[in-house]
mmCIF file of all heavy atoms, coordinates in Angstrom:
data_MODEL
# 
_entry.id   MODEL 
# 
loop_
_atom_site.group_PDB 
_atom_site.id 
_atom_site.type_symbol 
_atom_site.label_atom_id 
_atom_site.label_alt_id 
_atom_site.label_comp_id 
_atom_site.label_asym_id 
_atom_site.label_entity_id 
_atom_site.label_seq_id 
_atom_site.pdbx_PDB_ins_code 
_atom_site.Cartn_x 
_atom_site.Cartn_y 
_atom_site.Cartn_z 
_atom_site.occupancy 
_atom_site.B_iso_or_equiv 
_atom_site.pdbx_formal_charge 
_atom_site.auth_seq_id 
_atom_site.auth_comp_id 
_atom_site.auth_asym_id 
_atom_site.auth_atom_id 
_atom_site.pdbx_PDB_model_num 
ATOM 1   N N   . ILE A 1 1  ? 209.277 20.788 101.588 1.00 0.00 ? 1  ILE A N   1 
ATOM 2   C CA  . ILE A 1 1  ? 209.254 20.541 100.145 1.00 0.00 ? 1  ILE A CA  1 
ATOM 3   C C   . ILE A 1 1  ? 210.172 19.366 99.809  1.00 0.00 ? 1  ILE A C   1 
ATOM 4   O O   . ILE A 1 1  ? 209.800 18.476 99.045  1.00 0.00 ? 1  ILE A O   1 
ATOM 5   C CB  . ILE A 1 1  ? 209.659 21.807 99.368  1.00 0.00 ? 1  ILE A CB  1 
ATOM 6   C CG1 . ILE A 1 1  ? 208.559 22.861 99.508  1.00 0.00 ? 1  ILE A CG1 1 
ATOM 7   C CG2 . ILE A 1 1  ? 209.899 21.479 97.888  1.00 0.00 ? 1  ILE A CG2 1 
ATOM 8   C CD1 . ILE A 1 1  ? 208.950 24.224 98.987  1.00 0.00 ? 1  ILE A CD1 1 
ATOM 9   N N   . GLY A 1 2  ? 211.366 19.356 100.386 1.00 0.00 ? 2  GLY A N   1 
ATOM 10  C CA  . GLY A 1 2  ? 212.304 18.251 100.138 1.00 0.00 ? 2  GLY A CA  1 
ATOM 11  C C   . GLY A 1 2  ? 211.750 16.914 100.602 1.00 0.00 ? 2  GLY A C   1 
ATOM 12  O O   . GLY A 1 2  ? 211.888 15.907 99.918  1.00 0.00 ? 2  GLY A O   1 
ATOM 13  N N   . ALA A 1 3  ? 211.110 16.898 101.737 1.00 0.00 ? 3  ALA A N   1 
ATOM 14  C CA  . ALA A 1 3  ? 210.539 15.654 102.248 1.00 0.00 ? 3  ALA A CA  1 
ATOM 15  C C   . ALA A 1 3  ? 209.400 15.172 101.360 1.00 0.00 ? 3  ALA A C   1 
ATOM 16  O O   . ALA A 1 3  ? 209.232 13.982 101.141 1.00 0.00 ? 3  ALA A O   1 
ATOM 17  C CB  . ALA A 1 3  ? 210.054 15.856 103.686 1.00 0.00 ? 3  ALA A CB  1 
ATOM 18  N N   . LEU A 1 4  ? 208.622 16.120 100.850 1.00 0.00 ? 4  LEU A N   1 
ATOM 19  C CA  . LEU A 1 4  ? 207.511 15.732 99.982  1.00 0.00 ? 4  LEU A CA  1 
ATOM 20  C C   . LEU A 1 4  ? 207.989 15.093 98.686  1.00 0.00 ? 4  LEU A C   1 
ATOM 21  O O   . LEU A 1 4  ? 207.394 14.149 98.200  1.00 0.00 ? 4  LEU A O   1 
ATOM 22  C CB  . LEU A 1 4  ? 206.637 16.947 99.661  1.00 0.00 ? 4  LEU A CB  1 
ATOM 23  C CG  . LEU A 1 4  ? 205.747 17.426 100.804 1.00 0.00 ? 4  LEU A CG  1 
ATOM 24  C CD1 . LEU A 1 4  ? 205.041 18.717 100.407 1.00 0.00 ? 4  LEU A CD1 1 
ATOM 25  C CD2 . LEU A 1 4  ? 204.723 16.359 101.162 1.00 0.00 ? 4  LEU A CD2 1 
ATOM 26  N N   . VAL A 1 5  ? 209.041 15.618 98.099  1.00 0.00 ? 5  VAL A N   1 
ATOM 27  C CA  . VAL A 1 5  ? 209.514 15.077 96.821  1.00 0.00 ? 5  VAL A CA  1 
ATOM 28  C C   . VAL A 1 5  ? 210.619 14.056 96.993  1.00 0.00 ? 5  VAL A C   1 
ATOM 29  O O   . VAL A 1 5  ? 211.084 13.470 96.028  1.00 0.00 ? 5  VAL A O   1 
ATOM 30  C CB  . VAL A 1 5  ? 209.960 16.211 95.858  1.00 0.00 ? 5  VAL A CB  1 
ATOM 31  C CG1 . VAL A 1 5  ? 208.809 17.079 95.469  1.00 0.00 ? 5  VAL A CG1 1 
ATOM 32  C CG2 . VAL A 1 5  ? 211.083 17.019 96.455  1.00 0.00 ? 5  VAL A CG2 1 
ATOM 33  N N   . GLY A 1 6  ? 211.044 13.792 98.198  1.00 0.00 ? 6  GLY A N   1 
ATOM 34  C CA  . GLY A 1 6  ? 212.007 12.719 98.457  1.00 0.00 ? 6  GLY A CA  1 
ATOM 35  C C   . GLY A 1 6  ? 213.456 13.096 98.218  1.00 0.00 ? 6  GLY A C   1 
ATOM 36  O O   . GLY A 1 6  ? 214.303 12.230 98.082  1.00 0.00 ? 6  GLY A O   1 
ATOM 37  N N   . PHE A 1 7  ? 213.775 14.365 98.149  1.00 0.00 ? 7  PHE A N   1 
ATOM 38  C CA  . PHE A 1 7  ? 215.155 14.759 97.869  1.00 0.00 ? 7  PHE A CA  1 
ATOM 39  C C   . PHE A 1 7  ? 215.903 15.225 99.105  1.00 0.00 ? 7  PHE A C   1 
ATOM 40  O O   . PHE A 1 7  ? 217.031 15.660 99.018  1.00 0.00 ? 7  PHE A O   1 
ATOM 41  C CB  . PHE A 1 7  ? 215.195 15.891 96.836  1.00 0.00 ? 7  PHE A CB  1 
ATOM 42  C CG  . PHE A 1 7  ? 214.762 15.443 95.484  1.00 0.00 ? 7  PHE A CG  1 
ATOM 43  C CD1 . PHE A 1 7  ? 213.648 15.996 94.879  1.00 0.00 ? 7  PHE A CD1 1 
ATOM 44  C CD2 . PHE A 1 7  ? 215.451 14.453 94.815  1.00 0.00 ? 7  PHE A CD2 1 
ATOM 45  C CE1 . PHE A 1 7  ? 213.248 15.578 93.645  1.00 0.00 ? 7  PHE A CE1 1 
ATOM 46  C CE2 . PHE A 1 7  ? 215.057 14.030 93.568  1.00 0.00 ? 7  PHE A CE2 1 
ATOM 47  C CZ  . PHE A 1 7  ? 213.945 14.594 92.977  1.00 0.00 ? 7  PHE A CZ  1 
ATOM 48  N N   . TRP A 1 8  ? 215.329 15.127 100.247 1.00 0.00 ? 8  TRP A N   1 
ATOM 49  C CA  . TRP A 1 8  ? 215.985 15.610 101.452 1.00 0.00 ? 8  TRP A CA  1 
ATOM 50  C C   . TRP A 1 8  ? 217.170 14.729 101.788 1.00 0.00 ? 8  TRP A C   1 
ATOM 51  O O   . TRP A 1 8  ? 217.091 13.513 101.788 1.00 0.00 ? 8  TRP A O   1 
ATOM 52  C CB  . TRP A 1 8  ? 215.005 15.632 102.618 1.00 0.00 ? 8  TRP A CB  1 
ATOM 53  C CG  . TRP A 1 8  ? 215.650 16.144 103.860 1.00 0.00 ? 8  TRP A CG  1 
ATOM 54  C CD1 . TRP A 1 8  ? 215.897 17.415 104.182 1.00 0.00 ? 8  TRP A CD1 1 
ATOM 55  C CD2 . TRP A 1 8  ? 216.151 15.346 104.927 1.00 0.00 ? 8  TRP A CD2 1 
ATOM 56  N NE1 . TRP A 1 8  ? 216.515 17.493 105.382 1.00 0.00 ? 8  TRP A NE1 1 
ATOM 57  C CE2 . TRP A 1 8  ? 216.701 16.229 105.872 1.00 0.00 ? 8  TRP A CE2 1 
ATOM 58  C CE3 . TRP A 1 8  ? 216.221 13.991 105.185 1.00 0.00 ? 8  TRP A CE3 1 
ATOM 59  C CZ2 . TRP A 1 8  ? 217.274 15.805 107.044 1.00 0.00 ? 8  TRP A CZ2 1 
ATOM 60  C CZ3 . TRP A 1 8  ? 216.797 13.576 106.361 1.00 0.00 ? 8  TRP A CZ3 1 
ATOM 61  C CH2 . TRP A 1 8  ? 217.317 14.477 107.273 1.00 0.00 ? 8  TRP A CH2 1 
ATOM 62  N N   . LEU A 1 9  ? 218.282 15.359 102.036 1.00 0.00 ? 9  LEU A N   1 
ATOM 63  C CA  . LEU A 1 9  ? 219.474 14.644 102.478 1.00 0.00 ? 9  LEU A CA  1 
ATOM 64  C C   . LEU A 1 9  ? 219.805 15.104 103.884 1.00 0.00 ? 9  LEU A C   1 
ATOM 65  O O   . LEU A 1 9  ? 219.626 16.269 104.225 1.00 0.00 ? 9  LEU A O   1 
ATOM 66  C CB  . LEU A 1 9  ? 220.658 14.946 101.556 1.00 0.00 ? 9  LEU A CB  1 
ATOM 67  C CG  . LEU A 1 9  ? 220.550 14.419 100.138 1.00 0.00 ? 9  LEU A CG  1 
ATOM 68  C CD1 . LEU A 1 9  ? 221.763 14.874 99.328  1.00 0.00 ? 9  LEU A CD1 1 
ATOM 69  C CD2 . LEU A 1 9  ? 220.452 12.921 100.113 1.00 0.00 ? 9  LEU A CD2 1 
ATOM 70  N N   . PRO A 1 10 ? 220.294 14.211 104.699 1.00 0.00 ? 10 PRO A N   1 
ATOM 71  C CA  . PRO A 1 10 ? 220.702 14.610 106.050 1.00 0.00 ? 10 PRO A CA  1 
ATOM 72  C C   . PRO A 1 10 ? 221.818 15.659 105.979 1.00 0.00 ? 10 PRO A C   1 
ATOM 73  O O   . PRO A 1 10 ? 222.433 15.835 104.928 1.00 0.00 ? 10 PRO A O   1 
ATOM 74  C CB  . PRO A 1 10 ? 221.202 13.314 106.673 1.00 0.00 ? 10 PRO A CB  1 
ATOM 75  C CG  . PRO A 1 10 ? 220.869 12.224 105.735 1.00 0.00 ? 10 PRO A CG  1 
ATOM 76  C CD  . PRO A 1 10 ? 220.484 12.829 104.436 1.00 0.00 ? 10 PRO A CD  1 
ATOM 77  N N   . PRO A 1 11 ? 222.116 16.294 107.081 1.00 0.00 ? 11 PRO A N   1 
ATOM 78  C CA  . PRO A 1 11 ? 223.125 17.363 107.091 1.00 0.00 ? 11 PRO A CA  1 
ATOM 79  C C   . PRO A 1 11 ? 224.490 16.918 106.572 1.00 0.00 ? 11 PRO A C   1 
ATOM 80  O O   . PRO A 1 11 ? 225.222 17.718 106.020 1.00 0.00 ? 11 PRO A O   1 
ATOM 81  C CB  . PRO A 1 11 ? 223.209 17.775 108.561 1.00 0.00 ? 11 PRO A CB  1 
ATOM 82  C CG  . PRO A 1 11 ? 221.959 17.269 109.195 1.00 0.00 ? 11 PRO A CG  1 
ATOM 83  C CD  . PRO A 1 11 ? 221.492 16.126 108.376 1.00 0.00 ? 11 PRO A CD  1 
ATOM 84  N N   . HIS A 1 12 ? 224.844 15.641 106.716 1.00 0.00 ? 12 HIS A N   1 
ATOM 85  C CA  . HIS A 1 12 ? 226.161 15.200 106.265 1.00 0.00 ? 12 HIS A CA  1 
ATOM 86  C C   . HIS A 1 12 ? 226.184 14.949 104.759 1.00 0.00 ? 12 HIS A C   1 
ATOM 87  O O   . HIS A 1 12 ? 227.222 14.627 104.204 1.00 0.00 ? 12 HIS A O   1 
ATOM 88  C CB  . HIS A 1 12 ? 226.628 13.955 107.037 1.00 0.00 ? 12 HIS A CB  1 
ATOM 89  C CG  . HIS A 1 12 ? 225.636 12.835 107.067 1.00 0.00 ? 12 HIS A CG  1 
ATOM 90  N ND1 . HIS A 1 12 ? 225.332 12.084 105.976 1.00 0.00 ? 12 HIS A ND1 1 
ATOM 91  C CD2 . HIS A 1 12 ? 224.856 12.385 108.084 1.00 0.00 ? 12 HIS A CD2 1 
ATOM 92  C CE1 . HIS A 1 12 ? 224.410 11.179 106.299 1.00 0.00 ? 12 HIS A CE1 1 
ATOM 93  N NE2 . HIS A 1 12 ? 224.109 11.353 107.582 1.00 0.00 ? 12 HIS A NE2 1 
ATOM 94  N N   . GLY A 1 13 ? 225.039 15.075 104.068 1.00 0.00 ? 13 GLY A N   1 
ATOM 95  C CA  . GLY A 1 13 ? 225.009 14.986 102.613 1.00 0.00 ? 13 GLY A CA  1 
ATOM 96  C C   . GLY A 1 13 ? 224.835 13.588 102.044 1.00 0.00 ? 13 GLY A C   1 
ATOM 97  O O   . GLY A 1 13 ? 224.838 13.412 100.842 1.00 0.00 ? 13 GLY A O   1 
ATOM 98  N N   . ARG A 1 14 ? 224.719 12.570 102.879 1.00 0.00 ? 14 ARG A N   1 
ATOM 99  C CA  . ARG A 1 14 ? 224.555 11.196 102.389 1.00 0.00 ? 14 ARG A CA  1 
ATOM 100 C C   . ARG A 1 14 ? 223.163 10.694 102.720 1.00 0.00 ? 14 ARG A C   1 
ATOM 101 O O   . ARG A 1 14 ? 222.602 11.030 103.747 1.00 0.00 ? 14 ARG A O   1 
ATOM 102 C CB  . ARG A 1 14 ? 225.590 10.283 103.036 1.00 0.00 ? 14 ARG A CB  1 
ATOM 103 C CG  . ARG A 1 14 ? 227.003 10.614 102.623 1.00 0.00 ? 14 ARG A CG  1 
ATOM 104 C CD  . ARG A 1 14 ? 228.016 9.750  103.302 1.00 0.00 ? 14 ARG A CD  1 
ATOM 105 N NE  . ARG A 1 14 ? 227.665 8.347  103.175 1.00 0.00 ? 14 ARG A NE  1 
ATOM 106 C CZ  . ARG A 1 14 ? 228.205 7.395  103.918 1.00 0.00 ? 14 ARG A CZ  1 
ATOM 107 N NH1 . ARG A 1 14 ? 229.103 7.690  104.820 1.00 0.00 ? 14 ARG A NH1 1 
ATOM 108 N NH2 . ARG A 1 14 ? 227.857 6.145  103.761 1.00 0.00 ? 14 ARG A NH2 1 
ATOM 109 N N   . ARG A 1 15 ? 222.635 9.889  101.833 1.00 0.00 ? 15 ARG A N   1 
ATOM 110 C CA  . ARG A 1 15 ? 221.343 9.258  102.091 1.00 0.00 ? 15 ARG A CA  1 
ATOM 111 C C   . ARG A 1 15 ? 221.524 8.155  103.130 1.00 0.00 ? 15 ARG A C   1 
ATOM 112 O O   . ARG A 1 15 ? 222.579 7.536  103.197 1.00 0.00 ? 15 ARG A O   1 
ATOM 113 C CB  . ARG A 1 15 ? 220.793 8.650  100.814 1.00 0.00 ? 15 ARG A CB  1 
ATOM 114 C CG  . ARG A 1 15 ? 220.365 9.666  99.815  1.00 0.00 ? 15 ARG A CG  1 
ATOM 115 C CD  . ARG A 1 15 ? 219.647 8.995  98.664  1.00 0.00 ? 15 ARG A CD  1 
ATOM 116 N NE  . ARG A 1 15 ? 219.112 10.021 97.809  1.00 0.00 ? 15 ARG A NE  1 
ATOM 117 C CZ  . ARG A 1 15 ? 219.276 10.055 96.512  1.00 0.00 ? 15 ARG A CZ  1 
ATOM 118 N NH1 . ARG A 1 15 ? 219.924 9.107  95.902  1.00 0.00 ? 15 ARG A NH1 1 
ATOM 119 N NH2 . ARG A 1 15 ? 218.768 11.031 95.810  1.00 0.00 ? 15 ARG A NH2 1 
ATOM 120 N N   . PRO A 1 16 ? 220.490 7.895  103.900 1.00 0.00 ? 16 PRO A N   1 
ATOM 121 C CA  . PRO A 1 16 ? 220.563 6.758  104.825 1.00 0.00 ? 16 PRO A CA  1 
ATOM 122 C C   . PRO A 1 16 ? 220.810 5.468  104.043 1.00 0.00 ? 16 PRO A C   1 
ATOM 123 O O   . PRO A 1 16 ? 220.421 5.346  102.882 1.00 0.00 ? 16 PRO A O   1 
ATOM 124 C CB  . PRO A 1 16 ? 219.182 6.742  105.484 1.00 0.00 ? 16 PRO A CB  1 
ATOM 125 C CG  . PRO A 1 16 ? 218.593 8.089  105.231 1.00 0.00 ? 16 PRO A CG  1 
ATOM 126 C CD  . PRO A 1 16 ? 219.226 8.603  103.988 1.00 0.00 ? 16 PRO A CD  1 
ATOM 127 N N   . ALA A 1 17 ? 221.441 4.497  104.665 1.00 0.00 ? 17 ALA A N   1 
ATOM 128 C CA  . ALA A 1 17 ? 221.819 3.250  103.995 1.00 0.00 ? 17 ALA A CA  1 
ATOM 129 C C   . ALA A 1 17 ? 220.625 2.565  103.342 1.00 0.00 ? 17 ALA A C   1 
ATOM 130 O O   . ALA A 1 17 ? 220.731 2.020  102.250 1.00 0.00 ? 17 ALA A O   1 
ATOM 131 C CB  . ALA A 1 17 ? 222.495 2.305  104.984 1.00 0.00 ? 17 ALA A CB  1 
ATOM 132 N N   . ARG A 1 18 ? 219.460 2.619  103.992 1.00 0.00 ? 18 ARG A N   1 
ATOM 133 C CA  . ARG A 1 18 ? 218.289 1.943  103.419 1.00 0.00 ? 18 ARG A CA  1 
ATOM 134 C C   . ARG A 1 18 ? 217.831 2.597  102.122 1.00 0.00 ? 18 ARG A C   1 
ATOM 135 O O   . ARG A 1 18 ? 217.147 1.972  101.319 1.00 0.00 ? 18 ARG A O   1 
ATOM 136 C CB  . ARG A 1 18 ? 217.157 1.913  104.437 1.00 0.00 ? 18 ARG A CB  1 
ATOM 137 C CG  . ARG A 1 18 ? 216.540 3.259  104.712 1.00 0.00 ? 18 ARG A CG  1 
ATOM 138 C CD  . ARG A 1 18 ? 215.436 3.178  105.775 1.00 0.00 ? 18 ARG A CD  1 
ATOM 139 N NE  . ARG A 1 18 ? 214.801 4.435  106.004 1.00 0.00 ? 18 ARG A NE  1 
ATOM 140 C CZ  . ARG A 1 18 ? 215.338 5.500  106.564 1.00 0.00 ? 18 ARG A CZ  1 
ATOM 141 N NH1 . ARG A 1 18 ? 216.592 5.466  106.965 1.00 0.00 ? 18 ARG A NH1 1 
ATOM 142 N NH2 . ARG A 1 18 ? 214.652 6.614  106.742 1.00 0.00 ? 18 ARG A NH2 1 
ATOM 143 N N   . ASP A 1 19 ? 218.192 3.868  101.893 1.00 0.00 ? 19 ASP A N   1 
ATOM 144 C CA  . ASP A 1 19 ? 217.776 4.580  100.683 1.00 0.00 ? 19 ASP A CA  1 
ATOM 145 C C   . ASP A 1 19 ? 218.827 4.558  99.580  1.00 0.00 ? 19 ASP A C   1 
ATOM 146 O O   . ASP A 1 19 ? 218.546 4.951  98.457  1.00 0.00 ? 19 ASP A O   1 
ATOM 147 C CB  . ASP A 1 19 ? 217.457 6.044  101.019 1.00 0.00 ? 19 ASP A CB  1 
ATOM 148 C CG  . ASP A 1 19 ? 216.262 6.156  101.954 1.00 0.00 ? 19 ASP A CG  1 
ATOM 149 O OD1 . ASP A 1 19 ? 215.474 5.190  102.024 1.00 0.00 ? 19 ASP A OD1 1 
ATOM 150 O OD2 . ASP A 1 19 ? 216.120 7.200  102.615 1.00 0.00 ? 19 ASP A OD2 1 
ATOM 151 N N   . ARG A 1 20 ? 220.048 4.135  99.913  1.00 0.00 ? 20 ARG A N   1 
ATOM 152 C CA  . ARG A 1 20 ? 221.102 4.078  98.900  1.00 0.00 ? 20 ARG A CA  1 
ATOM 153 C C   . ARG A 1 20 ? 220.957 2.850  98.037  1.00 0.00 ? 20 ARG A C   1 
ATOM 154 O O   . ARG A 1 20 ? 220.522 1.802  98.521  1.00 0.00 ? 20 ARG A O   1 
ATOM 155 C CB  . ARG A 1 20 ? 222.480 4.040  99.571  1.00 0.00 ? 20 ARG A CB  1 
ATOM 156 C CG  . ARG A 1 20 ? 222.928 5.405  100.025 1.00 0.00 ? 20 ARG A CG  1 
ATOM 157 C CD  . ARG A 1 20 ? 224.322 5.333  100.571 1.00 0.00 ? 20 ARG A CD  1 
ATOM 158 N NE  . ARG A 1 20 ? 224.196 5.596  102.001 1.00 0.00 ? 20 ARG A NE  1 
ATOM 159 C CZ  . ARG A 1 20 ? 224.911 5.065  102.941 1.00 0.00 ? 20 ARG A CZ  1 
ATOM 160 N NH1 . ARG A 1 20 ? 225.858 4.213  102.664 1.00 0.00 ? 20 ARG A NH1 1 
ATOM 161 N NH2 . ARG A 1 20 ? 224.720 5.367  104.198 1.00 0.00 ? 20 ARG A NH2 1 
ATOM 162 N N   . PRO A 1 21 ? 221.320 2.947  96.757  1.00 0.00 ? 21 PRO A N   1 
ATOM 163 C CA  . PRO A 1 21 ? 221.271 1.745  95.926  1.00 0.00 ? 21 PRO A CA  1 
ATOM 164 C C   . PRO A 1 21 ? 222.229 0.690  96.457  1.00 0.00 ? 21 PRO A C   1 
ATOM 165 O O   . PRO A 1 21 ? 223.320 1.010  96.924  1.00 0.00 ? 21 PRO A O   1 
ATOM 166 C CB  . PRO A 1 21 ? 221.716 2.227  94.555  1.00 0.00 ? 21 PRO A CB  1 
ATOM 167 C CG  . PRO A 1 21 ? 222.074 3.656  94.680  1.00 0.00 ? 21 PRO A CG  1 
ATOM 168 C CD  . PRO A 1 21 ? 221.793 4.107  96.073  1.00 0.00 ? 21 PRO A CD  1 
ATOM 169 N N   . ARG A 1 22 ? 221.782 -0.565 96.411  1.00 0.00 ? 22 ARG A N   1 
ATOM 170 C CA  . ARG A 1 22 ? 222.622 -1.671 96.893  1.00 0.00 ? 22 ARG A CA  1 
ATOM 171 C C   . ARG A 1 22 ? 223.754 -1.908 95.904  1.00 0.00 ? 22 ARG A C   1 
ATOM 172 O O   . ARG A 1 22 ? 223.518 -2.025 94.712  1.00 0.00 ? 22 ARG A O   1 
ATOM 173 C CB  . ARG A 1 22 ? 221.766 -2.925 97.018  1.00 0.00 ? 22 ARG A CB  1 
ATOM 174 C CG  . ARG A 1 22 ? 222.403 -3.968 97.869  1.00 0.00 ? 22 ARG A CG  1 
ATOM 175 C CD  . ARG A 1 22 ? 221.522 -5.173 98.006  1.00 0.00 ? 22 ARG A CD  1 
ATOM 176 N NE  . ARG A 1 22 ? 222.229 -6.231 97.292  1.00 0.00 ? 22 ARG A NE  1 
ATOM 177 C CZ  . ARG A 1 22 ? 221.660 -7.140 96.558  1.00 0.00 ? 22 ARG A CZ  1 
ATOM 178 N NH1 . ARG A 1 22 ? 220.381 -7.170 96.399  1.00 0.00 ? 22 ARG A NH1 1 
ATOM 179 N NH2 . ARG A 1 22 ? 222.371 -8.043 95.953  1.00 0.00 ? 22 ARG A NH2 1 
ATOM 180 N N   . PRO A 1 23 ? 224.995 -1.971 96.376  1.00 0.00 ? 23 PRO A N   1 
ATOM 181 C CA  . PRO A 1 23 ? 226.100 -2.199 95.451  1.00 0.00 ? 23 PRO A CA  1 
ATOM 182 C C   . PRO A 1 23 ? 226.074 -3.611 94.876  1.00 0.00 ? 23 PRO A C   1 
ATOM 183 O O   . PRO A 1 23 ? 225.588 -4.538 95.516  1.00 0.00 ? 23 PRO A O   1 
ATOM 184 C CB  . PRO A 1 23 ? 227.346 -1.997 96.319  1.00 0.00 ? 23 PRO A CB  1 
ATOM 185 C CG  . PRO A 1 23 ? 226.880 -2.256 97.706  1.00 0.00 ? 23 PRO A CG  1 
ATOM 186 C CD  . PRO A 1 23 ? 225.434 -1.864 97.759  1.00 0.00 ? 23 PRO A CD  1 
ATOM 187 N N   . VAL A 1 24 ? 226.564 -3.740 93.661  1.00 0.00 ? 24 VAL A N   1 
ATOM 188 C CA  . VAL A 1 24 ? 226.642 -5.049 93.020  1.00 0.00 ? 24 VAL A CA  1 
ATOM 189 C C   . VAL A 1 24 ? 227.778 -5.813 93.677  1.00 0.00 ? 24 VAL A C   1 
ATOM 190 O O   . VAL A 1 24 ? 228.882 -5.323 93.813  1.00 0.00 ? 24 VAL A O   1 
ATOM 191 C CB  . VAL A 1 24 ? 226.893 -4.891 91.507  1.00 0.00 ? 24 VAL A CB  1 
ATOM 192 C CG1 . VAL A 1 24 ? 227.124 -6.234 90.858  1.00 0.00 ? 24 VAL A CG1 1 
ATOM 193 C CG2 . VAL A 1 24 ? 225.733 -4.171 90.860  1.00 0.00 ? 24 VAL A CG2 1 
# 
């Protein structure tokens, strides 16, 4: 379900770098 809706987070609780918003 998480993978389908895009809310799955890895076990450490952080999104992979490619999915994180780019900092200004």
